[in-house]
Amino acid sequence: MEYTVEGLINKDSKIAVLCGGMSNEREVSLRSGKNVLKALHNLGYINAKIVDVDRNAAEILKDGKFEYAYNTLHGKYGEDGCIQGLLEILGIKYTGCKVKSSAICMDKEMTKNLLKANGLNVIKSTCVRYNENLDIKEAIKGLKFPIMVKPSGEGSSIGMSKVDNIDELKSALEVAQKSDKKILLEEYLNGTSITVGVLEDVNKKQTFATPILEFRTKTAWYDYEAKYTKGLTEFILPAELDDKLTNEIKEMAIKAHKACDCTGVSRVDFLVYDNIPYVLEINTNPGMTDTSDLPAQANAMGINYDSLVQMVLNTALINLD
């Protein structure tokens, strides 16, 4: 059944589709932006334009007299509260999560602490600040190998590694610190990887979870290559979970979204191990590429790509209110 979404923003409005940017996820963001622009034009927003964000973003946005910004930036500066703060200073309404929630969810350690404080399951981990004098054995005391090494403030699995011993951990830390000196060390659980989109329908004033997507990769784990290369990941949609667990995970996704003060849209990643769902992280600006999770999840519940873009665009009306 098709899910209809009414547009709430004037079709003549000047909309900046923010993409590209200065993070390691620039290329993915450009792909998201291109797709979103096409959808906006399909929807009748004739004054929507691509803005490839650089250090002159403020001038470009002011000179362009943009009224709204559709944020398809991923990673540093675009997903961590920086561009959101700039847009608020400029008085431009923007899609998705606000400054605080963006900053929180970009920091994996902060996210996990907040989720745990709100009664949500998280995998055992610790966080270290990389330096040449780091005592690695002391840092991982209490953790068991294998361990996932994750730059705390990076996305799209960039800089991440799975390690089985101290020597591998030393090498993985060297890689991770190139993206962020703050590094999350998390016990590896060989479970089922799933993700759930959380959307807000401004028209109906509802927050709801999408169908759960399970992914099975041809790589060792869900790394950057598996995420953005067609054919390397099998999507199972909806995930092969019983009704009870499905409902529990959807409720957890919405609870996580609200616990981190997210608005508009997010995507919550889980690992299910021994029938227990653990929240891994929250993505406050999910990808909108041809291989991205959120468009596939939305489509599974009758929300086609253009309608999803319209729904997210409407969320600009819940910012700067």
Foldseek 3Di string as FASTA:
>chain_A
DADFADFDDDLAAAEEEEAQEDAPCRVLRVQLSVLLVVLSVVVRNVNYDYDDDDPCNLVVCVVSVHQEYEQSYDFPCRQQQNVLVSCVVVNHQYFWFHRQLSNQQLFQVSLQVLLVVVVAFAFDKFKDQDDPPDPVVVRQVPAAPQKWKAQRRGDQQQLIDTDGDDVVVVVSLVSSVVNPRMIMIGHDDPFWKKKWKWAARPVVRDIFIFQIKTKDFPDPDSHNCRQPPPPGIDIDPRDPDDPVLRVVVRVSVVVSCVSSPIFGIKMWIWGAHPNGIHTRGIRRNFGRHPRTDPQVRCVSVNQHSSNSSSRRRVRSVVPPD
